[in-house]
């Protein structure tokens, strides 16, 4: 039944509950799934907590740069123009700074748009999601984290299946359905 709601329930939940139904250990699976979800939630909280400060600093820096670009730079130009007639070189440098900051803002916006497009392409499935998953695994920190989480999910499913007495080939096949990274 959960398989009909793949957009609501993650694949690992559906696969593990299916394993519990097939093995007749549904109660044990729910208990182990509960422990698994608690561990996964703790890990998620640690990741969010460790990323909260850098994201806050990055957001604040972007906001300060935006305020400087919109409000301070035009006024500085007027101030320099009022003090001297030879402020052309200063004016040129301010224009270059404004241009550089504008280019950086466009690059950041482009990266965000590209990331959203990649996420949508990955969600659509097919060969493109396999390629995206392969590229994600090659990114140093992200690849290692994804690999560790996928191995943890696979090992958890294998433990459930082998403890229920399933043959190794069946266990491998069922545990493979738990993995969300197509490359792994």
Protein backbone atom coordinates (compact mmCIF):
# COMPACT_ATOMS: atom_id res chain seq x y z
CA UNK A 1 0.00 0.00 0.00
CA UNK A 2 2.83 2.39 0.83
CA UNK A 3 4.27 1.77 -2.64
CA UNK A 4 1.35 3.69 -4.09
CA UNK A 5 2.46 6.79 -2.16
CA UNK A 6 6.10 7.03 -3.30
CA UNK A 7 5.84 10.81 -3.41
CA UNK A 8 4.98 10.89 0.31
CA UNK A 9 7.04 8.06 1.84
CA UNK A 10 10.78 7.70 1.20
CA UNK A 11 11.88 4.58 -0.67
CA UNK A 12 13.66 3.17 2.37
CA UNK A 13 10.42 3.13 4.41
CA UNK A 14 8.52 1.38 1.64
CA UNK A 15 11.30 -1.16 1.08
CA UNK A 16 11.83 -1.96 4.75
CA UNK A 17 8.13 -2.38 5.46
CA UNK A 18 7.89 -4.62 2.40
CA UNK A 19 10.79 -6.64 3.81
CA UNK A 20 8.94 -6.88 7.14
CA UNK A 21 5.78 -8.08 5.43
CA UNK A 22 7.65 -10.73 3.43
CA UNK A 23 9.60 -11.96 6.43
CA UNK A 24 6.68 -11.92 8.85
CA UNK A 25 8.63 -9.64 11.19
CA UNK A 26 6.65 -6.46 10.63
CA UNK A 27 6.60 -5.58 14.34
CA UNK A 28 10.39 -5.94 14.56
CA UNK A 29 10.82 -3.90 11.39
CA UNK A 30 8.73 -1.06 12.80
CA UNK A 31 10.82 -1.11 15.99
CA UNK A 32 14.08 -1.09 14.05
CA UNK A 33 12.72 1.51 11.64
CA UNK A 34 11.86 3.69 14.62
CA UNK A 35 15.43 3.40 15.94
CA UNK A 36 16.76 4.07 12.46
CA UNK A 37 14.62 7.18 12.09
CA UNK A 38 15.77 8.49 15.48
CA UNK A 39 19.42 8.00 14.48
CA UNK A 40 18.80 9.58 11.09
CA UNK A 41 17.03 12.53 12.74
CA UNK A 42 19.95 13.06 15.14
CA UNK A 43 22.36 13.05 12.20
CA UNK A 44 20.13 15.48 10.30
CA UNK A 45 20.01 17.82 13.30
CA UNK A 46 23.80 17.75 13.63
CA UNK A 47 24.21 18.60 9.95
CA UNK A 48 21.68 21.45 10.17
CA UNK A 49 23.31 22.81 13.32
CA UNK A 50 26.77 22.69 11.77
CA UNK A 51 25.59 24.45 8.60
CA UNK A 52 23.38 27.06 10.28
CA UNK A 53 26.19 29.43 11.26
CA UNK A 54 28.03 29.44 7.90
CA UNK A 55 24.74 29.97 6.06
CA UNK A 56 23.85 32.84 8.40
CA UNK A 57 27.26 34.43 7.83
CA UNK A 58 26.95 33.98 4.06
CA UNK A 59 23.44 35.46 4.03
CA UNK A 60 24.57 38.42 6.15
CA UNK A 61 27.57 39.04 3.90
CA UNK A 62 25.37 38.91 0.80
CA UNK A 63 22.93 41.34 2.39
CA UNK A 64 25.75 43.75 3.32
CA UNK A 65 27.15 43.58 -0.21
CA UNK A 66 23.72 44.23 -1.67
CA UNK A 67 23.20 47.25 0.60
CA UNK A 68 26.64 48.57 -0.35
CA UNK A 69 25.90 48.09 -4.02
CA UNK A 70 22.49 49.76 -3.97
CA UNK A 71 22.82 52.52 -1.39
CA UNK A 72 26.45 53.30 -0.53
CA UNK A 73 28.23 53.12 -3.90
CA UNK A 74 26.04 55.73 -5.65
CA UNK A 75 26.46 58.14 -2.73
CA UNK A 76 30.23 57.67 -2.65
CA UNK A 77 30.35 58.61 -6.30
CA UNK A 78 28.44 61.84 -5.58
CA UNK A 79 30.68 62.67 -2.63
CA UNK A 80 33.86 62.28 -4.67
CA UNK A 81 32.40 64.33 -7.49
CA UNK A 82 31.61 67.16 -5.07
CA UNK A 83 35.15 67.35 -3.67
CA UNK A 84 37.20 67.29 -6.78
CA UNK A 85 37.02 67.56 -10.50
CA UNK A 86 39.76 64.95 -10.94
CA UNK A 87 37.67 62.21 -9.41
CA UNK A 88 37.38 60.47 -12.76
CA UNK A 89 39.85 57.72 -11.74
CA UNK A 90 37.95 57.14 -8.48
CA UNK A 91 34.69 57.12 -10.42
CA UNK A 92 36.11 54.48 -12.80
CA UNK A 93 37.22 52.31 -9.86
CA UNK A 94 33.77 52.57 -8.24
CA UNK A 95 32.17 51.59 -11.55
CA UNK A 96 34.48 48.56 -11.79
CA UNK A 97 33.57 47.53 -8.24
CA UNK A 98 29.87 47.84 -9.02
CA UNK A 99 30.32 45.79 -12.17
CA UNK A 100 32.25 43.08 -10.32
CA UNK A 101 29.67 42.87 -7.55
CA UNK A 102 26.86 42.70 -10.11
CA UNK A 103 28.64 39.88 -11.96
CA UNK A 104 29.12 37.96 -8.70
CA UNK A 105 25.42 38.36 -7.88
CA UNK A 106 24.46 37.04 -11.32
CA UNK A 107 26.83 34.08 -10.91
CA UNK A 108 25.27 33.21 -7.54
CA UNK A 109 21.77 33.45 -9.01
CA UNK A 110 22.86 31.27 -11.96
CA UNK A 111 24.30 28.64 -9.58
CA UNK A 112 21.03 28.57 -7.64
CA UNK A 113 18.97 28.20 -10.84
CA UNK A 114 21.26 25.46 -12.17
CA UNK A 115 21.04 23.60 -8.84
CA UNK A 116 17.25 23.71 -8.98
CA UNK A 117 17.26 22.45 -12.58
CA UNK A 118 19.63 19.61 -11.68
CA UNK A 119 17.39 18.62 -8.75
CA UNK A 120 14.34 18.58 -11.04
CA UNK A 121 16.20 16.53 -13.67
CA UNK A 122 17.34 14.09 -11.00
CA UNK A 123 13.81 13.68 -9.73
CA UNK A 124 12.55 12.86 -13.23
CA UNK A 125 14.70 9.70 -13.21
CA UNK A 126 16.28 7.88 -16.11
CA UNK A 127 19.86 7.99 -17.30
CA UNK A 128 20.31 11.64 -16.35
CA UNK A 129 19.72 10.84 -12.66
CA UNK A 130 22.36 8.09 -12.90
CA UNK A 131 24.85 10.62 -14.29
CA UNK A 132 23.96 13.21 -11.64
CA UNK A 133 24.38 10.59 -8.88
CA UNK A 134 27.77 9.60 -10.29
CA UNK A 135 28.90 13.24 -10.33
CA UNK A 136 27.64 13.79 -6.76
CA UNK A 137 29.73 10.85 -5.57
CA UNK A 138 32.88 12.44 -7.02
CA UNK A 139 32.47 15.67 -5.02
CA UNK A 140 34.88 15.26 -2.06
CA UNK A 141 32.81 15.90 1.09
CA UNK A 142 29.36 15.36 -0.43
CA UNK A 143 30.31 12.07 -2.11
CA UNK A 144 31.73 10.63 1.09
CA UNK A 145 28.63 11.64 3.06
CA UNK A 146 26.24 10.18 0.48
CA UNK A 147 28.25 6.95 0.32
CA UNK A 148 28.26 6.59 4.11
CA UNK A 149 24.52 7.17 4.38
CA UNK A 150 23.75 4.75 1.56
CA UNK A 151 25.98 2.04 3.05
CA UNK A 152 24.26 2.55 6.40
CA UNK A 153 20.82 2.12 4.80
CA UNK A 154 21.94 -0.94 2.83
CA UNK A 155 23.53 -2.57 5.89
CA UNK A 156 20.39 -1.89 7.94
CA UNK A 157 18.22 -3.58 5.29
CA UNK A 158 20.64 -6.51 4.97
CA UNK A 159 20.63 -7.00 8.73
CA UNK A 160 16.83 -7.14 8.75
CA UNK A 161 16.68 -9.58 5.85
CA UNK A 162 19.40 -11.95 6.96
CA UNK A 163 18.08 -12.03 10.53
CA UNK A 164 14.67 -12.98 9.09
CA UNK A 165 16.27 -15.95 7.32
CA UNK A 166 16.09 -14.75 3.71
CA UNK A 167 18.62 -16.24 1.27
CA UNK A 168 21.60 -14.03 0.46
CA UNK A 169 20.60 -13.38 -3.15
CA UNK A 170 17.08 -12.34 -2.15
CA UNK A 171 18.48 -10.19 0.64
CA UNK A 172 20.85 -8.42 -1.75
CA UNK A 173 18.06 -7.81 -4.24
CA UNK A 174 15.67 -6.43 -1.62
CA UNK A 175 18.35 -4.36 0.16
CA UNK A 176 19.33 -2.84 -3.19
CA UNK A 177 15.85 -1.32 -3.41
CA UNK A 178 16.61 0.72 -0.28
CA UNK A 179 19.37 2.69 -2.01
CA UNK A 180 18.38 6.10 -3.37
CA UNK A 181 21.63 6.83 -5.21
CA UNK A 182 21.33 5.06 -8.57
CA UNK A 183 25.11 4.89 -9.07
CA UNK A 184 25.65 3.03 -5.80
